[in-house]
C-alpha atoms as a PDB file:
ATOM      1  CA  MET A   1       0.044  -0.120   0.045  1.00  0.00           C
ATOM      2  CA  LYS A   2       2.961   2.590   0.594  1.00  0.00           C
ATOM      3  CA  GLU A   3       4.199   1.605  -2.566  1.00  0.00           C
ATOM      4  CA  LEU A   4       0.901   2.708  -4.303  1.00  0.00           C
ATOM      5  CA  GLU A   5       0.469   5.696  -2.206  1.00  0.00           C
ATOM      6  CA  GLU A   6       3.883   6.758  -3.532  1.00  0.00           C
ATOM      7  CA  LEU A   7       2.858   6.291  -7.039  1.00  0.00           C
ATOM      8  CA  LYS A   8      -0.188   8.371  -6.585  1.00  0.00           C
ATOM      9  CA  LYS A   9       1.750  11.523  -5.093  1.00  0.00           C
ATOM     10  CA  LEU A  10       4.159  11.075  -8.078  1.00  0.00           C
ATOM     11  CA  LYS A  11       1.672  10.370 -10.721  1.00  0.00           C
ATOM     12  CA  LYS A  12       2.085  13.882 -12.534  1.00  0.00           C
ATOM     13  CA  LEU A  13       5.818  12.840 -13.038  1.00  0.00           C
ATOM     14  CA  TYR A  14       4.503   9.794 -14.996  1.00  0.00           C
ATOM     15  CA  GLU A  15       4.529  11.100 -18.578  1.00  0.00           C
ATOM     16  CA  SER A  16       8.260  12.742 -17.659  1.00  0.00           C
ATOM     17  CA  ASN A  17      11.510  11.308 -19.567  1.00  0.00           C
ATOM     18  CA  VAL A  18      14.563  10.047 -17.322  1.00  0.00           C
ATOM     19  CA  ALA A  19      16.461  12.891 -19.263  1.00  0.00           C
ATOM     20  CA  ASP A  20      14.106  15.805 -17.929  1.00  0.00           C
ATOM     21  CA  LEU A  21      13.949  14.692 -14.476  1.00  0.00           C
ATOM     22  CA  MET A  22      17.697  14.101 -14.050  1.00  0.00           C
ATOM     23  CA  ALA A  23      18.015  17.589 -16.121  1.00  0.00           C
ATOM     24  CA  LYS A  24      15.794  19.393 -13.492  1.00  0.00           C
ATOM     25  CA  GLY A  25      17.974  17.840 -10.782  1.00  0.00           C
ATOM     26  CA  TYR A  26      16.857  14.536  -9.883  1.00  0.00           C
ATOM     27  CA  ARG A  27      19.144  11.807  -9.408  1.00  0.00           C
ATOM     28  CA  THR A  28      18.688   7.644  -9.450  1.00  0.00           C
ATOM     29  CA  SER A  29      19.778   6.506  -6.056  1.00  0.00           C
ATOM     30  CA  PHE A  30      19.002   2.969  -5.982  1.00  0.00           C
ATOM     31  CA  LYS A  31      18.466   0.894  -2.592  1.00  0.00           C
ATOM     32  CA  GLY A  32      18.651  -2.614  -3.735  1.00  0.00           C
ATOM     33  CA  LYS A  33      17.716  -4.706  -7.012  1.00  0.00           C
ATOM     34  CA  SER A  34      13.745  -5.599  -7.301  1.00  0.00           C
ATOM     35  CA  ILE A  35      12.977  -9.067  -8.521  1.00  0.00           C
ATOM     36  CA  PHE A  36      11.739  -6.979 -11.961  1.00  0.00           C
ATOM     37  CA  GLU A  37      15.177  -5.388 -12.216  1.00  0.00           C
ATOM     38  CA  LYS A  38      17.151  -8.732 -11.964  1.00  0.00           C
ATOM     39  CA  THR A  39      14.672 -10.258 -14.493  1.00  0.00           C
ATOM     40  CA  PHE A  40      15.270  -7.334 -17.009  1.00  0.00           C
ATOM     41  CA  ILE A  41      18.857  -7.267 -16.393  1.00  0.00           C
ATOM     42  CA  LYS A  42      19.418 -11.351 -17.209  1.00  0.00           C
ATOM     43  CA  HIS A  43      17.369 -10.607 -20.393  1.00  0.00           C
ATOM     44  CA  GLU A  44      19.402  -7.970 -21.290  1.00  0.00           C
ATOM     45  CA  ARG A  45      23.094  -9.173 -20.387  1.00  0.00           C
ATOM     46  CA  ALA A  46      21.683 -12.661 -22.534  1.00  0.00           C
ATOM     47  CA  ARG A  47      21.177 -10.574 -25.383  1.00  0.00           C
ATOM     48  CA  ARG A  48      24.219  -8.385 -25.146  1.00  0.00           C
ATOM     49  CA  PRO A  49      26.913 -11.071 -26.589  1.00  0.00           C
ATOM     50  CA  TYR A  50      24.456 -11.084 -29.944  1.00  0.00           C
ATOM     51  CA  LEU A  51      24.733  -7.118 -29.687  1.00  0.00           C
ATOM     52  CA  ILE A  52      28.418  -6.734 -29.729  1.00  0.00           C
ATOM     53  CA  ASN A  53      28.709  -9.707 -32.301  1.00  0.00           C
ATOM     54  CA  LYS A  54      26.306  -7.560 -34.745  1.00  0.00           C
ATOM     55  CA  ILE A  55      27.797  -4.173 -34.717  1.00  0.00           C
ATOM     56  CA  ALA A  56      31.479  -5.950 -34.692  1.00  0.00           C
ATOM     57  CA  GLU A  57      30.372  -7.449 -37.827  1.00  0.00           C
ATOM     58  CA  LEU A  58      29.016  -4.667 -39.354  1.00  0.00           C
ATOM     59  CA  ILE A  59      32.188  -2.984 -38.914  1.00  0.00           C
ATOM     60  CA  LYS A  60      33.727  -5.751 -40.325  1.00  0.00           C
ATOM     61  CA  TYR A  61      32.024  -5.596 -43.505  1.00  0.00           C
ATOM     62  CA  SER A  62      31.777  -2.093 -44.043  1.00  0.00           C
ATOM     63  CA  GLU A  63      32.808  -0.413 -46.929  1.00  0.00           C
ATOM     64  CA  ARG A  64      35.115   1.998 -44.974  1.00  0.00           C
ATOM     65  CA  LYS A  65      38.852   1.822 -45.913  1.00  0.00           C
ATOM     66  CA  ASN A  66      40.912   4.586 -44.350  1.00  0.00           C
ATOM     67  CA  GLY A  67      40.824   5.968 -40.961  1.00  0.00           C
ATOM     68  CA  ASP A  68      39.289   4.857 -37.490  1.00  0.00           C
ATOM     69  CA  PHE A  69      35.441   3.664 -37.653  1.00  0.00           C
ATOM     70  CA  VAL A  70      33.596   6.432 -35.723  1.00  0.00           C
ATOM     71  CA  ILE A  71      31.050   5.022 -33.436  1.00  0.00           C
ATOM     72  CA  LEU A  72      28.509   7.048 -31.065  1.00  0.00           C
ATOM     73  CA  ASP A  73      27.132   5.283 -28.074  1.00  0.00           C
ATOM     74  CA  MET A  74      23.673   6.861 -27.193  1.00  0.00           C
ATOM     75  CA  GLY A  75      22.957   6.926 -23.456  1.00  0.00           C
ATOM     76  CA  CYS A  76      26.159   5.003 -22.557  1.00  0.00           C
ATOM     77  CA  GLY A  77      25.655   4.844 -19.062  1.00  0.00           C
ATOM     78  CA  THR A  78      28.582   3.238 -16.918  1.00  0.00           C
ATOM     79  CA  GLY A  79      30.040   2.091 -20.672  1.00  0.00           C
ATOM     80  CA  ASP A  80      29.746  -1.461 -20.383  1.00  0.00           C
ATOM     81  CA  ILE A  81      28.967  -2.128 -23.661  1.00  0.00           C
ATOM     82  CA  ALA A  82      31.189   0.294 -25.337  1.00  0.00           C
ATOM     83  CA  VAL A  83      34.056  -1.214 -23.258  1.00  0.00           C
ATOM     84  CA  GLU A  84      32.860  -4.736 -24.147  1.00  0.00           C
ATOM     85  CA  LEU A  85      33.321  -3.358 -28.004  1.00  0.00           C
ATOM     86  CA  LEU A  86      36.701  -2.046 -27.396  1.00  0.00           C
ATOM     87  CA  ARG A  87      38.028  -5.377 -26.059  1.00  0.00           C
ATOM     88  CA  LYS A  88      36.324  -7.140 -29.012  1.00  0.00           C
ATOM     89  CA  LEU A  89      37.948  -4.879 -31.661  1.00  0.00           C
ATOM     90  CA  ARG A  90      41.411  -4.280 -30.077  1.00  0.00           C
ATOM     91  CA  ASN A  91      43.052  -4.967 -33.284  1.00  0.00           C
ATOM     92  CA  ASN A  92      40.537  -2.983 -35.325  1.00  0.00           C
ATOM     93  CA  PRO A  93      40.830   1.003 -35.960  1.00  0.00           C
ATOM     94  CA  VAL A  94      37.561   2.096 -33.925  1.00  0.00           C
ATOM     95  CA  ASP A  95      36.651   5.146 -32.481  1.00  0.00           C
ATOM     96  CA  ILE A  96      33.835   5.282 -29.522  1.00  0.00           C
ATOM     97  CA  THR A  97      32.443   8.512 -28.002  1.00  0.00           C
ATOM     98  CA  GLY A  98      29.784   7.783 -25.673  1.00  0.00           C
ATOM     99  CA  ILE A  99      27.007  10.307 -24.197  1.00  0.00           C
ATOM    100  CA  ASP A 100      25.028  10.192 -21.366  1.00  0.00           C
ATOM    101  CA  ILE A 101      22.653  12.665 -19.541  1.00  0.00           C
ATOM    102  CA  SER A 102      24.067  11.377 -16.235  1.00  0.00           C
ATOM    103  CA  LYS A 103      27.406  12.684 -15.138  1.00  0.00           C
ATOM    104  CA  GLU A 104      27.674  10.321 -12.267  1.00  0.00           C
ATOM    105  CA  ALA A 105      27.506   7.313 -14.822  1.00  0.00           C
ATOM    106  CA  LEU A 106      30.208   8.796 -16.892  1.00  0.00           C
ATOM    107  CA  THR A 107      32.583   9.283 -14.135  1.00  0.00           C
ATOM    108  CA  LYS A 108      31.462   5.500 -12.896  1.00  0.00           C
ATOM    109  CA  THR A 109      32.674   4.400 -16.516  1.00  0.00           C
ATOM    110  CA  TYR A 110      36.244   5.722 -15.739  1.00  0.00           C
ATOM    111  CA  GLU A 111      36.220   3.977 -12.069  1.00  0.00           C
ATOM    112  CA  ILE A 112      35.155   0.580 -13.539  1.00  0.00           C
ATOM    113  CA  ASN A 113      36.928   0.542 -16.687  1.00  0.00           C
ATOM    114  CA  SER A 114      40.171   2.374 -15.966  1.00  0.00           C
ATOM    115  CA  ASP A 115      42.130   0.228 -18.578  1.00  0.00           C
ATOM    116  CA  GLU A 116      39.862   1.279 -21.193  1.00  0.00           C
ATOM    117  CA  LYS A 117      39.406   4.803 -20.115  1.00  0.00           C
ATOM    118  CA  THR A 118      42.007   6.310 -22.583  1.00  0.00           C
ATOM    119  CA  LYS A 119      39.937   4.986 -25.407  1.00  0.00           C
ATOM    120  CA  LEU A 120      36.412   5.983 -24.612  1.00  0.00           C
ATOM    121  CA  ASN A 121      35.673   9.784 -25.722  1.00  0.00           C
ATOM    122  CA  LEU A 122      32.887  10.680 -23.061  1.00  0.00           C
ATOM    123  CA  ILE A 123      30.273  13.435 -23.109  1.00  0.00           C
ATOM    124  CA  GLN A 124      27.874  14.926 -20.795  1.00  0.00           C
ATOM    125  CA  CYS A 125      24.808  15.753 -23.435  1.00  0.00           C
ATOM    126  CA  ASP A 126      21.381  15.394 -24.357  1.00  0.00           C
ATOM    127  CA  GLY A 127      20.424  13.025 -26.804  1.00  0.00           C
ATOM    128  CA  ARG A 128      17.985  15.584 -28.216  1.00  0.00           C
ATOM    129  CA  PHE A 129      20.759  18.140 -28.783  1.00  0.00           C
ATOM    130  CA  LEU A 130      24.181  16.352 -29.560  1.00  0.00           C
ATOM    131  CA  PRO A 131      27.019  18.856 -30.370  1.00  0.00           C
ATOM    132  CA  PHE A 132      28.765  17.294 -33.141  1.00  0.00           C
ATOM    133  CA  PRO A 133      28.776  18.359 -36.893  1.00  0.00           C
ATOM    134  CA  HIS A 134      26.458  16.722 -39.656  1.00  0.00           C
ATOM    135  CA  GLY A 135      28.009  13.302 -40.627  1.00  0.00           C
ATOM    136  CA  THR A 136      30.054  12.646 -38.095  1.00  0.00           C
ATOM    137  CA  PHE A 137      29.880   8.938 -37.097  1.00  0.00           C
ATOM    138  CA  ASP A 138      29.951   5.739 -39.284  1.00  0.00           C
ATOM    139  CA  MET A 139      27.608   4.055 -36.840  1.00  0.00           C
ATOM    140  CA  ALA A 140      25.278   4.734 -33.582  1.00  0.00           C
ATOM    141  CA  TYR A 141      23.835   2.346 -31.368  1.00  0.00           C
ATOM    142  CA  VAL A 142      21.317   2.828 -28.442  1.00  0.00           C
ATOM    143  CA  SER A 143      20.524   0.212 -25.588  1.00  0.00           C
ATOM    144  CA  THR A 144      17.850  -0.092 -23.248  1.00  0.00           C
ATOM    145  CA  VAL A 145      17.371   3.493 -23.315  1.00  0.00           C
ATOM    146  CA  PHE A 146      14.205   4.415 -25.096  1.00  0.00           C
ATOM    147  CA  ILE A 147      12.181   2.278 -22.659  1.00  0.00           C
ATOM    148  CA  ASN A 148      12.277   5.273 -20.196  1.00  0.00           C
ATOM    149  CA  GLN A 149      11.486   7.913 -22.928  1.00  0.00           C
ATOM    150  CA  THR A 150       8.340   9.231 -24.393  1.00  0.00           C
ATOM    151  CA  ASP A 151       7.816   8.609 -28.327  1.00  0.00           C
ATOM    152  CA  SER A 152       8.168  12.600 -28.926  1.00  0.00           C
ATOM    153  CA  LEU A 153      11.461  12.162 -27.411  1.00  0.00           C
ATOM    154  CA  ILE A 154      12.647   9.371 -29.384  1.00  0.00           C
ATOM    155  CA  ARG A 155      11.718  10.870 -32.145  1.00  0.00           C
ATOM    156  CA  LYS A 156      13.821  13.821 -31.313  1.00  0.00           C
ATOM    157  CA  VAL A 157      16.740  11.875 -30.835  1.00  0.00           C
ATOM    158  CA  LEU A 158      16.645   9.646 -33.789  1.00  0.00           C
ATOM    159  CA  LYS A 159      16.325  12.689 -36.037  1.00  0.00           C
ATOM    160  CA  GLU A 160      19.669  14.231 -34.241  1.00  0.00           C
ATOM    161  CA  THR A 161      21.120  10.712 -34.615  1.00  0.00           C
ATOM    162  CA  TYR A 162      20.276  10.637 -38.511  1.00  0.00           C
ATOM    163  CA  ARG A 163      22.011  14.450 -38.587  1.00  0.00           C
ATOM    164  CA  SER A 164      24.883  13.051 -36.879  1.00  0.00           C
ATOM    165  CA  ILE A 165      25.552  10.013 -38.767  1.00  0.00           C
ATOM    166  CA  LYS A 166      27.189   9.752 -42.177  1.00  0.00           C
ATOM    167  CA  ASP A 167      25.514   8.564 -45.679  1.00  0.00           C
ATOM    168  CA  ASP A 168      24.958   5.425 -45.865  1.00  0.00           C
ATOM    169  CA  GLY A 169      25.944   5.107 -41.955  1.00  0.00           C
ATOM    170  CA  TYR A 170      24.632   2.494 -39.360  1.00  0.00           C
ATOM    171  CA  LEU A 171      21.868   2.657 -36.521  1.00  0.00           C
ATOM    172  CA  VAL A 172      21.519  -0.061 -34.519  1.00  0.00           C
ATOM    173  CA  VAL A 173      18.778  -0.046 -31.761  1.00  0.00           C
ATOM    174  CA  ASN A 174      18.630  -2.849 -29.224  1.00  0.00           C
ATOM    175  CA  GLU A 175      15.406  -2.303 -26.767  1.00  0.00           C
ATOM    176  CA  PRO A 176      12.909  -4.855 -25.124  1.00  0.00           C
ATOM    177  CA  GLY A 177      10.774  -6.434 -26.920  1.00  0.00           C
ATOM    178  CA  GLY A 178       9.181 -10.086 -27.431  1.00  0.00           C
ATOM    179  CA  ILE A 179       7.401 -11.160 -24.578  1.00  0.00           C
ATOM    180  CA  LEU A 180       8.119  -8.049 -22.532  1.00  0.00           C
ATOM    181  CA  ALA A 181       6.146  -5.965 -25.258  1.00  0.00           C
ATOM    182  CA  GLY A 182       3.808  -8.509 -25.409  1.00  0.00           C
ATOM    183  CA  GLU A 183       4.756  -9.388 -28.953  1.00  0.00           C
ATOM    184  CA  HIS A 184       2.226 -11.604 -31.214  1.00  0.00           C
ATOM    185  CA  MET A 185      -0.099 -12.132 -28.209  1.00  0.00           C
ATOM    186  CA  GLY A 186      -3.166 -10.389 -29.332  1.00  0.00           C
ATOM    187  CA  PHE A 187      -5.371  -8.728 -27.039  1.00  0.00           C
ATOM    188  CA  VAL A 188      -3.552 -10.541 -24.244  1.00  0.00           C
ATOM    189  CA  GLY A 189      -0.011  -9.012 -25.436  1.00  0.00           C
ATOM    190  CA  THR A 190      -1.914  -5.328 -24.654  1.00  0.00           C
ATOM    191  CA  TYR A 191      -2.191  -6.457 -20.967  1.00  0.00           C
ATOM    192  CA  ILE A 192       1.240  -7.753 -20.451  1.00  0.00           C
ATOM    193  CA  ARG A 193       2.718  -4.541 -21.932  1.00  0.00           C
ATOM    194  CA  LYS A 194       0.605  -2.657 -19.235  1.00  0.00           C
ATOM    195  CA  LEU A 195       1.947  -4.845 -16.409  1.00  0.00           C
ATOM    196  CA  VAL A 196       5.479  -4.448 -17.678  1.00  0.00           C
ATOM    197  CA  SER A 197       5.176  -0.967 -17.512  1.00  0.00           C
ATOM    198  CA  PHE A 198       3.466  -1.002 -14.158  1.00  0.00           C
ATOM    199  CA  LEU A 199       6.256  -3.179 -12.948  1.00  0.00           C
ATOM    200  CA  GLY A 200       9.082  -0.947 -14.115  1.00  0.00           C
ATOM    201  CA  SER A 201       7.248   2.367 -12.546  1.00  0.00           C
ATOM    202  CA  VAL A 202       6.803   0.692  -9.062  1.00  0.00           C
ATOM    203  CA  HIS A 203      10.534  -0.568  -9.570  1.00  0.00           C
ATOM    204  CA  TYR A 204      11.462   3.307 -10.162  1.00  0.00           C
ATOM    205  CA  ALA A 205       9.525   4.623  -7.365  1.00  0.00           C
ATOM    206  CA  HIS A 206      10.305   2.253  -4.776  1.00  0.00           C
ATOM    207  CA  TYR A 207      13.979   1.681  -5.263  1.00  0.00           C
ATOM    208  CA  SER A 208      14.989   5.150  -6.513  1.00  0.00           C
ATOM    209  CA  ASN A 209      13.728   8.981  -5.980  1.00  0.00           C
ATOM    210  CA  ILE A 210      12.480   9.207  -9.387  1.00  0.00           C
ATOM    211  CA  TYR A 211       9.111   7.898 -11.069  1.00  0.00           C
ATOM    212  CA  ALA A 212       9.524   8.110 -14.937  1.00  0.00           C
ATOM    213  CA  ILE A 213       7.656   6.487 -18.102  1.00  0.00           C
ATOM    214  CA  PHE A 214       8.636   2.699 -18.422  1.00  0.00           C
ATOM    215  CA  LYS A 215       7.483   1.520 -21.566  1.00  0.00           C
ATOM    216  CA  THR A 216       8.084  -1.429 -23.866  1.00  0.00           C
ATOM    217  CA  ARG A 217       7.223  -1.264 -27.774  1.00  0.00           C
ATOM    218  CA  THR A 218       6.535  -3.480 -30.454  1.00  0.00           C
ATOM    219  CA  GLN A 219       8.576  -4.416 -33.564  1.00  0.00           C
ATOM    220  CA  LYS A 220       6.365  -2.310 -35.758  1.00  0.00           C
ATOM    221  CA  GLU A 221       6.217   0.812 -33.276  1.00  0.00           C
ATOM    222  CA  LEU A 222       9.993   0.847 -32.863  1.00  0.00           C
ATOM    223  CA  ARG A 223      10.211   0.382 -36.810  1.00  0.00           C
ATOM    224  CA  ASN A 224       8.014   3.291 -37.969  1.00  0.00           C
ATOM    225  CA  MET A 225       9.906   5.579 -35.646  1.00  0.00           C
ATOM    226  CA  ILE A 226      12.887   4.778 -36.898  1.00  0.00           C
ATOM    227  CA  GLU A 227      11.975   4.677 -40.805  1.00  0.00           C
ATOM    228  CA  GLU A 228       9.743   7.958 -40.346  1.00  0.00           C
ATOM    229  CA  ILE A 229      13.256   9.739 -39.571  1.00  0.00           C
ATOM    230  CA  GLY A 230      14.729   8.540 -42.789  1.00  0.00           C
ATOM    231  CA  PHE A 231      16.237   5.264 -42.110  1.00  0.00           C
ATOM    232  CA  ARG A 232      15.769   2.002 -43.777  1.00  0.00           C
ATOM    233  CA  ILE A 233      15.743  -0.971 -41.675  1.00  0.00           C
ATOM    234  CA  GLU A 234      17.757  -3.752 -42.917  1.00  0.00           C
ATOM    235  CA  GLU A 235      17.077  -6.164 -40.342  1.00  0.00           C
ATOM    236  CA  ILE A 236      15.284  -7.228 -37.181  1.00  0.00           C
ATOM    237  CA  THR A 237      15.936  -9.911 -34.900  1.00  0.00           C
ATOM    238  CA  CYS A 238      13.956 -10.939 -31.846  1.00  0.00           C
ATOM    239  CA  LYS A 239      13.261 -14.355 -30.671  1.00  0.00           C
ATOM    240  CA  TRP A 240       9.934 -14.257 -28.603  1.00  0.00           C
ATOM    241  CA  LEU A 241      11.456 -15.519 -25.381  1.00  0.00           C
ATOM    242  CA  ASP A 242      14.515 -13.351 -25.664  1.00  0.00           C
ATOM    243  CA  GLY A 243      12.457 -10.490 -24.084  1.00  0.00           C
ATOM    244  CA  PHE A 244      14.797  -7.809 -26.219  1.00  0.00           C
ATOM    245  CA  GLN A 245      14.630  -6.741 -29.922  1.00  0.00           C
ATOM    246  CA  THR A 246      17.443  -5.752 -32.452  1.00  0.00           C
ATOM    247  CA  LEU A 247      17.117  -3.745 -35.353  1.00  0.00           C
ATOM    248  CA  ILE A 248      19.379  -2.581 -37.903  1.00  0.00           C
ATOM    249  CA  ALA A 249      18.964   0.384 -39.720  1.00  0.00           C
ATOM    250  CA  LYS A 250      20.699   2.513 -42.591  1.00  0.00           C
ATOM    251  CA  LYS A 251      20.821   6.055 -43.337  1.00  0.00           C
ATOM    252  CA  TYR A 252      18.727   6.608 -46.041  1.00  0.00           C
ATOM    253  CA  VAL A 253      19.554   9.857 -48.392  1.00  0.00           C
ATOM    254  CA  ARG A 254      17.154  10.938 -50.465  1.00  0.00           C
ATOM    255  CA  GLY A 255      18.193  11.177 -54.218  1.00  0.00           C
ATOM    256  CA  LYS A 256      21.257   8.899 -53.548  1.00  0.00           C
ATOM    257  CA  ASN A 257      19.819   5.557 -52.285  1.00  0.00           C
END
């Protein structure tokens, strides 16, 4: 009951984005891990090797011949994926820039991954306002970030990402899906999505000091948002029980492609 009362008090923040809340001074301060978070992390870590291998494969078979392959990690957090990529691609000329709105997360990246810290370019910024010139990156990837953002914010981030990626560059999106999004379950899936969103919101309210949106999306919803910006979907991978989906898109330039 106490948790439900807390939810009601903070209900006005339900449609807020984590990025907006943190910009206003809110900070996550997790006091423990709920069963929900443990399950979520389990699915994410099970999916991560595929994500790392897929990104490495795209780099290997890209047409880029000279210079470093420049990558943008959107919402890098503590840099776990970027560090694993650097380790896997240690013999490849890659340059990874990680951005996150959380100064604390970026600081922790250096503390946790001291051996790789000189190889990562870390910048604190909002994904809606990227401080990079047009066509800076060969690839951008985002993992487990959109789940805490509204559709309107995601579209703004995708638009900025499109601007920052080179022509024919890649975008890799790795977000909760499958069973967590109630995929291919008809009307039952709608209730599963609502349940997952509710549990995610309860988790934030109880284990941190913020209460923000927690929303899983179907393949169709993510695909539509990505393609309406100008990207062209090349591949979608999602095994129903995975709980995660990976979409690979290429920057489409009108008049060229």
